[in-house]
Amino acid sequence: MAHARRGRSQSPSARRRGSQRMSHPPGATAWAAEGWLSVMADANGGPVTFDAGVPGPVVDALTGAKVADGPTFTLQMLPGETRLFAFGR
């Protein structure tokens, strides 16, 4: 299960569905489930480190471009930026 390094929270219903929401000010809020990671930066932006939990490529789901090799990677996020990634495939 992917998670952000700065902390995370997970609702009981999210645990049952196998999804996870991570929130950690300052930085970003992220949702992860079944090989997908959605990230939205806060108003400050900046570097955010993630751990996908599995080795292998992390790919931008919209462009198909490889952005990192998992499991751990750091993104420089712009304020308010939203990204969608696929991993563990």
N, C-alpha and C. Protein backbone atom coordinates (compact mmCIF):
# COMPACT_ATOMS: atom_id res chain seq x y z
N MET A 1 0.84 -1.17 0.00
CA MET A 1 0.00 0.00 0.00
C MET A 1 0.89 1.23 0.00
N ALA A 2 0.68 2.13 -0.89
CA ALA A 2 1.47 3.36 -0.97
C ALA A 2 1.16 4.25 0.21
N HIS A 3 2.14 5.01 0.62
CA HIS A 3 1.87 5.99 1.66
C HIS A 3 2.87 7.13 1.57
N ALA A 4 2.47 8.26 2.12
CA ALA A 4 3.34 9.42 2.19
C ALA A 4 4.18 9.30 3.45
N ARG A 5 5.40 9.73 3.40
CA ARG A 5 6.31 9.58 4.52
C ARG A 5 5.93 10.44 5.72
N ARG A 6 5.26 11.58 5.51
CA ARG A 6 5.03 12.50 6.60
C ARG A 6 3.85 12.12 7.48
N GLY A 7 3.16 11.05 7.23
CA GLY A 7 2.04 10.64 8.08
C GLY A 7 0.88 10.20 7.22
N ARG A 8 -0.13 9.58 7.85
CA ARG A 8 -1.28 9.14 7.07
C ARG A 8 -2.46 8.91 8.00
N SER A 9 -3.64 8.91 7.40
CA SER A 9 -4.84 8.54 8.13
C SER A 9 -5.67 7.66 7.22
N GLN A 10 -6.48 6.81 7.82
CA GLN A 10 -7.26 5.89 7.01
C GLN A 10 -8.59 5.64 7.72
N SER A 11 -9.69 5.79 7.00
CA SER A 11 -11.00 5.54 7.57
C SER A 11 -11.28 4.04 7.58
N PRO A 12 -12.20 3.58 8.44
CA PRO A 12 -12.55 2.15 8.45
C PRO A 12 -13.08 1.69 7.10
N SER A 13 -13.89 2.51 6.43
CA SER A 13 -14.43 2.10 5.13
C SER A 13 -13.32 2.02 4.08
N ALA A 14 -12.34 2.89 4.16
CA ALA A 14 -11.21 2.84 3.23
C ALA A 14 -10.40 1.57 3.45
N ARG A 15 -10.21 1.17 4.71
CA ARG A 15 -9.48 -0.07 4.99
C ARG A 15 -10.21 -1.27 4.38
N ARG A 16 -11.53 -1.30 4.48
CA ARG A 16 -12.29 -2.41 3.91
C ARG A 16 -12.17 -2.45 2.39
N ARG A 17 -12.09 -1.30 1.74
CA ARG A 17 -12.00 -1.25 0.28
C ARG A 17 -10.57 -1.42 -0.21
N GLY A 18 -9.59 -1.37 0.70
CA GLY A 18 -8.20 -1.49 0.29
C GLY A 18 -7.63 -0.19 -0.21
N SER A 19 -8.30 0.93 0.05
CA SER A 19 -7.76 2.23 -0.35
C SER A 19 -7.22 2.92 0.88
N GLN A 20 -6.45 3.95 0.66
CA GLN A 20 -5.83 4.66 1.76
C GLN A 20 -5.70 6.13 1.42
N ARG A 21 -6.05 7.00 2.39
CA ARG A 21 -5.85 8.44 2.22
C ARG A 21 -4.76 8.86 3.17
N MET A 22 -3.79 9.58 2.64
CA MET A 22 -2.72 10.10 3.46
C MET A 22 -2.81 11.61 3.46
N SER A 23 -2.73 12.22 4.61
CA SER A 23 -2.78 13.67 4.71
C SER A 23 -1.71 14.11 5.69
N HIS A 24 -0.95 15.09 5.32
CA HIS A 24 0.15 15.51 6.18
C HIS A 24 0.54 16.94 5.85
N PRO A 25 0.12 17.91 6.64
CA PRO A 25 0.51 19.29 6.39
C PRO A 25 1.93 19.52 6.90
N PRO A 26 2.76 20.35 6.27
CA PRO A 26 2.55 20.84 4.91
C PRO A 26 2.97 19.76 3.91
N GLY A 27 2.53 19.82 2.72
CA GLY A 27 2.93 18.85 1.71
C GLY A 27 1.83 18.52 0.74
N ALA A 28 1.12 17.42 0.97
CA ALA A 28 0.14 16.97 0.00
C ALA A 28 -0.84 16.01 0.66
N THR A 29 -1.95 15.79 -0.01
CA THR A 29 -2.90 14.75 0.38
C THR A 29 -2.90 13.72 -0.74
N ALA A 30 -2.90 12.46 -0.37
CA ALA A 30 -2.79 11.40 -1.38
C ALA A 30 -3.79 10.30 -1.09
N TRP A 31 -4.30 9.69 -2.16
CA TRP A 31 -5.15 8.50 -2.08
C TRP A 31 -4.44 7.40 -2.84
N ALA A 32 -4.43 6.19 -2.28
CA ALA A 32 -3.78 5.06 -2.94
C ALA A 32 -4.64 3.82 -2.82
N ALA A 33 -4.76 3.08 -3.92
CA ALA A 33 -5.49 1.81 -3.91
C ALA A 33 -5.16 1.04 -5.18
N GLU A 34 -4.94 -0.26 -5.01
CA GLU A 34 -4.80 -1.18 -6.13
C GLU A 34 -3.87 -0.70 -7.24
N GLY A 35 -2.71 -0.18 -6.86
CA GLY A 35 -1.72 0.24 -7.84
C GLY A 35 -1.89 1.65 -8.38
N TRP A 36 -2.75 2.44 -7.77
CA TRP A 36 -2.96 3.83 -8.19
C TRP A 36 -2.61 4.76 -7.04
N LEU A 37 -2.05 5.91 -7.36
CA LEU A 37 -1.71 6.93 -6.37
C LEU A 37 -2.13 8.29 -6.92
N SER A 38 -3.04 8.96 -6.24
CA SER A 38 -3.50 10.29 -6.61
C SER A 38 -2.98 11.27 -5.56
N VAL A 39 -2.33 12.34 -5.99
CA VAL A 39 -1.69 13.27 -5.07
C VAL A 39 -2.09 14.70 -5.40
N MET A 40 -2.46 15.48 -4.36
CA MET A 40 -2.74 16.89 -4.53
C MET A 40 -1.90 17.67 -3.53
N ALA A 41 -1.06 18.58 -4.04
CA ALA A 41 -0.19 19.37 -3.19
C ALA A 41 -0.99 20.43 -2.44
N ASP A 42 -0.49 20.82 -1.28
CA ASP A 42 -1.14 21.89 -0.54
C ASP A 42 -0.79 23.25 -1.15
N ALA A 43 -1.17 24.32 -0.52
CA ALA A 43 -0.98 25.66 -1.05
C ALA A 43 0.49 26.08 -1.12
N ASN A 44 1.37 25.37 -0.39
CA ASN A 44 2.79 25.71 -0.39
C ASN A 44 3.60 24.93 -1.41
N GLY A 45 3.14 23.73 -1.77
CA GLY A 45 3.93 22.88 -2.66
C GLY A 45 5.22 22.46 -1.99
N GLY A 46 6.17 21.97 -2.79
CA GLY A 46 7.46 21.55 -2.26
C GLY A 46 7.67 20.06 -2.43
N PRO A 47 8.79 19.54 -1.92
CA PRO A 47 9.10 18.11 -2.08
C PRO A 47 8.25 17.24 -1.15
N VAL A 48 7.75 16.13 -1.69
CA VAL A 48 6.98 15.16 -0.91
C VAL A 48 7.53 13.78 -1.24
N THR A 49 7.85 12.99 -0.22
CA THR A 49 8.41 11.66 -0.41
C THR A 49 7.32 10.62 -0.18
N PHE A 50 7.25 9.64 -1.09
CA PHE A 50 6.25 8.58 -1.04
C PHE A 50 6.93 7.22 -1.02
N ASP A 51 6.23 6.23 -0.48
CA ASP A 51 6.68 4.85 -0.52
C ASP A 51 5.53 4.02 -1.09
N ALA A 52 5.68 3.53 -2.32
CA ALA A 52 4.64 2.78 -3.00
C ALA A 52 4.47 1.39 -2.39
N GLY A 53 5.43 0.95 -1.61
CA GLY A 53 5.32 -0.35 -0.96
C GLY A 53 5.76 -1.52 -1.83
N VAL A 54 6.01 -1.27 -3.10
CA VAL A 54 6.47 -2.32 -4.01
C VAL A 54 7.55 -1.75 -4.92
N PRO A 55 8.57 -2.55 -5.27
CA PRO A 55 9.58 -2.07 -6.20
C PRO A 55 9.02 -2.00 -7.61
N GLY A 56 9.66 -1.20 -8.43
CA GLY A 56 9.27 -1.11 -9.83
C GLY A 56 8.97 0.31 -10.25
N PRO A 57 8.65 0.48 -11.52
CA PRO A 57 8.43 1.82 -12.04
C PRO A 57 7.15 2.46 -11.50
N VAL A 58 7.23 3.77 -11.32
CA VAL A 58 6.07 4.60 -11.01
C VAL A 58 5.84 5.44 -12.27
N VAL A 59 4.62 5.36 -12.82
CA VAL A 59 4.32 5.95 -14.11
C VAL A 59 3.24 7.01 -13.97
N ASP A 60 3.41 8.15 -14.67
CA ASP A 60 2.35 9.16 -14.75
C ASP A 60 1.19 8.53 -15.52
N ALA A 61 0.04 8.38 -14.88
CA ALA A 61 -1.09 7.68 -15.50
C ALA A 61 -1.69 8.44 -16.68
N LEU A 62 -1.46 9.73 -16.77
CA LEU A 62 -2.03 10.52 -17.87
C LEU A 62 -1.13 10.56 -19.10
N THR A 63 0.19 10.57 -18.87
CA THR A 63 1.12 10.69 -20.01
C THR A 63 1.81 9.37 -20.34
N GLY A 64 1.84 8.44 -19.38
CA GLY A 64 2.56 7.19 -19.56
C GLY A 64 4.05 7.30 -19.31
N ALA A 65 4.52 8.49 -18.94
CA ALA A 65 5.94 8.71 -18.68
C ALA A 65 6.34 8.14 -17.32
N LYS A 66 7.50 7.46 -17.28
CA LYS A 66 8.04 6.96 -16.03
C LYS A 66 8.56 8.15 -15.23
N VAL A 67 8.14 8.25 -13.96
CA VAL A 67 8.57 9.37 -13.12
C VAL A 67 9.55 8.95 -12.04
N ALA A 68 9.60 7.65 -11.72
CA ALA A 68 10.50 7.20 -10.66
C ALA A 68 10.57 5.68 -10.66
N ASP A 69 11.54 5.17 -9.92
CA ASP A 69 11.62 3.74 -9.60
C ASP A 69 11.22 3.59 -8.14
N GLY A 70 10.18 2.79 -7.89
CA GLY A 70 9.72 2.57 -6.53
C GLY A 70 10.60 1.57 -5.82
N PRO A 71 10.41 1.37 -4.57
CA PRO A 71 9.21 1.79 -3.89
C PRO A 71 9.22 3.24 -3.40
N THR A 72 10.37 3.83 -3.11
CA THR A 72 10.42 5.17 -2.54
C THR A 72 10.79 6.19 -3.62
N PHE A 73 10.07 7.31 -3.63
CA PHE A 73 10.39 8.39 -4.56
C PHE A 73 9.94 9.72 -4.00
N THR A 74 10.58 10.80 -4.44
CA THR A 74 10.25 12.15 -4.00
C THR A 74 9.83 12.97 -5.21
N LEU A 75 8.75 13.72 -5.05
CA LEU A 75 8.26 14.60 -6.10
C LEU A 75 8.35 16.04 -5.64
N GLN A 76 8.75 16.91 -6.54
CA GLN A 76 8.68 18.35 -6.29
C GLN A 76 7.30 18.78 -6.79
N MET A 77 6.42 19.15 -5.87
CA MET A 77 5.04 19.49 -6.21
C MET A 77 4.85 21.00 -6.23
N LEU A 78 4.15 21.49 -7.25
CA LEU A 78 3.77 22.90 -7.31
C LEU A 78 2.56 23.13 -6.40
N PRO A 79 2.36 24.35 -5.90
CA PRO A 79 1.19 24.62 -5.06
C PRO A 79 -0.10 24.22 -5.78
N GLY A 80 -0.91 23.38 -5.13
CA GLY A 80 -2.19 22.97 -5.68
C GLY A 80 -2.13 21.95 -6.80
N GLU A 81 -0.95 21.50 -7.17
CA GLU A 81 -0.78 20.55 -8.27
C GLU A 81 -1.41 19.19 -7.92
N THR A 82 -2.05 18.57 -8.90
CA THR A 82 -2.64 17.24 -8.75
C THR A 82 -1.99 16.30 -9.75
N ARG A 83 -1.59 15.12 -9.30
CA ARG A 83 -0.95 14.12 -10.17
C ARG A 83 -1.59 12.76 -9.92
N LEU A 84 -1.58 11.91 -10.94
CA LEU A 84 -2.10 10.56 -10.85
C LEU A 84 -1.02 9.60 -11.35
N PHE A 85 -0.69 8.60 -10.52
CA PHE A 85 0.37 7.66 -10.84
C PHE A 85 -0.13 6.22 -10.77
N ALA A 86 0.50 5.36 -11.55
CA ALA A 86 0.30 3.92 -11.48
C ALA A 86 1.62 3.30 -11.02
N PHE A 87 1.53 2.26 -10.16
CA PHE A 87 2.74 1.61 -9.66
C PHE A 87 2.47 0.13 -9.46
N GLY A 88 3.54 -0.65 -9.35
CA GLY A 88 3.43 -2.07 -9.06
C GLY A 88 2.82 -2.88 -10.20
N ARG A 89 3.03 -2.45 -11.42
CA ARG A 89 2.46 -3.16 -12.57
C ARG A 89 3.54 -3.77 -13.41
